[in-house]
Structure formats: C-alpha cells, structure tokens
Protein backbone atom coordinates (compact mmCIF):
# COMPACT_ATOMS: atom_id res chain seq x y z
CA MET A 1 0.18 0.30 -0.32
CA THR A 2 1.28 3.37 -0.35
CA LYS A 3 1.36 6.55 1.82
CA ASP A 4 -1.35 8.12 -0.29
CA GLU A 5 -3.38 4.70 0.02
CA ILE A 6 -2.66 4.73 3.50
CA ARG A 7 -3.65 8.59 3.95
CA GLY A 8 -7.09 7.78 2.38
CA THR A 9 -7.69 4.80 4.82
CA VAL A 10 -7.11 6.52 7.33
CA LEU A 11 -8.95 10.00 6.92
CA ARG A 12 -12.43 7.13 6.27
CA ALA A 13 -11.17 6.10 9.39
CA LEU A 14 -11.36 9.26 11.07
CA GLY A 15 -14.47 9.91 8.81
CA GLN A 16 -16.66 7.06 10.95
CA ILE A 17 -15.96 8.79 14.18
CA ALA A 18 -16.26 12.65 13.36
CA PRO A 19 -18.38 12.27 10.41
CA GLU A 20 -19.27 16.24 10.49
CA ALA A 21 -15.18 17.21 10.36
CA ASP A 22 -14.05 18.89 7.52
CA LEU A 23 -11.41 16.53 6.85
CA SER A 24 -9.62 17.97 4.01
CA GLN A 25 -9.06 21.24 6.45
CA LEU A 26 -6.89 18.37 8.66
CA LYS A 27 -3.39 19.68 9.04
CA PRO A 28 -1.01 16.73 8.59
CA ASN A 29 1.26 17.74 11.41
CA LEU A 30 -0.82 18.62 14.36
CA ARG A 31 -2.68 16.71 16.71
CA ILE A 32 -6.14 14.72 15.48
CA ARG A 33 -7.74 15.15 19.19
CA ASP A 34 -7.43 18.95 18.43
CA GLN A 35 -8.06 19.37 15.31
CA LEU A 36 -11.28 17.47 15.49
CA ASP A 37 -11.98 17.70 19.11
CA ILE A 38 -12.46 14.04 19.61
CA ASP A 39 -12.32 12.28 23.13
CA SER A 40 -10.11 9.05 23.91
CA MET A 41 -13.27 7.32 23.35
CA ASP A 42 -13.48 8.34 20.05
CA LEU A 43 -9.29 8.08 19.78
CA LEU A 44 -10.07 4.38 20.71
CA ASN A 45 -12.97 3.73 18.36
CA PHE A 46 -10.27 5.72 15.68
CA VAL A 47 -7.19 3.03 16.96
CA ILE A 48 -9.47 -0.13 17.00
CA GLY A 49 -10.73 1.52 13.00
CA LEU A 50 -7.25 1.19 12.03
CA HIS A 51 -6.14 -2.58 13.51
CA LYS A 52 -9.45 -3.90 11.50
CA GLU A 53 -8.45 -1.70 8.20
CA PHE A 54 -4.68 -2.46 7.99
CA LYS A 55 -4.25 -5.62 10.41
CA VAL A 56 -1.83 -4.14 12.95
CA GLU A 57 -1.59 -4.99 16.20
CA ILE A 58 -1.41 -1.56 17.95
CA PRO A 59 -0.15 -1.13 21.41
CA GLU A 60 -1.39 1.10 23.40
CA ALA A 61 2.37 1.95 24.50
CA ASP A 62 2.24 3.35 20.48
CA TYR A 63 -0.68 5.60 20.32
CA PRO A 64 1.62 8.60 20.95
CA LYS A 65 2.57 7.83 17.07
CA LEU A 66 -0.92 7.92 15.89
CA ALA A 67 -1.50 11.95 16.95
CA THR A 68 -0.74 13.85 13.95
CA LEU A 69 -2.36 12.50 10.49
CA ASP A 70 1.51 12.18 9.24
CA GLY A 71 2.36 9.99 12.26
CA CYS A 72 -0.50 7.60 11.34
CA VAL A 73 1.00 6.93 7.94
CA ASP A 74 4.23 6.85 8.94
CA TYR A 75 3.48 4.69 11.46
CA LEU A 76 1.27 2.10 9.81
CA ALA A 77 4.08 2.59 6.62
CA SER A 78 6.76 1.19 8.86
CA HIS A 79 4.16 -1.65 10.77
CA GLY A 80 3.00 -3.28 6.91
CA GLY A 81 -0.15 -1.74 7.01
CA THR A 82 -2.18 -3.75 4.44
C-alpha cells in the first residue's frame, strides 16, 4: 500500500468517528484530537478502526505515534499496514 492509499484509509477511519468534520482541512502535522475535538473514547474507536482496516496490532504504548495524520501514515507504513 502506498502512503497516499494509507492516508486515504486513515481519513476514512477518522470520518467514521467524526462524520461532521471537514477532513480536507486537517493539517497533517497537528494533533488530530485537537483539530477534530475528539475524546479518548473516539480515539480508541479510531485505533480499533485502523486495526481492522490494516490488520496491524497497535499496542497502547504506540498510541502517541498516531497523534497526527502524518504520524498515522508513517506508523502504518512502517508496520506493514495492508
């Protein structure tokens, strides 16, 4: 999967937890939680969605690596997200 494909899938997963958000305005290097005003439960649902989409185990210790859109893409690319 290319980084662009990963980014698209990450954005779809975000759309599931924040359907009212304008994801086209999401800044790739700023914290997702701050931009979308999502809570910790939404974040957990987002991580679960990524796990289902990419078939990648994401330990809780790695959650901070998923704080930004770029961080999500880089993390999933380096962990063989398919």
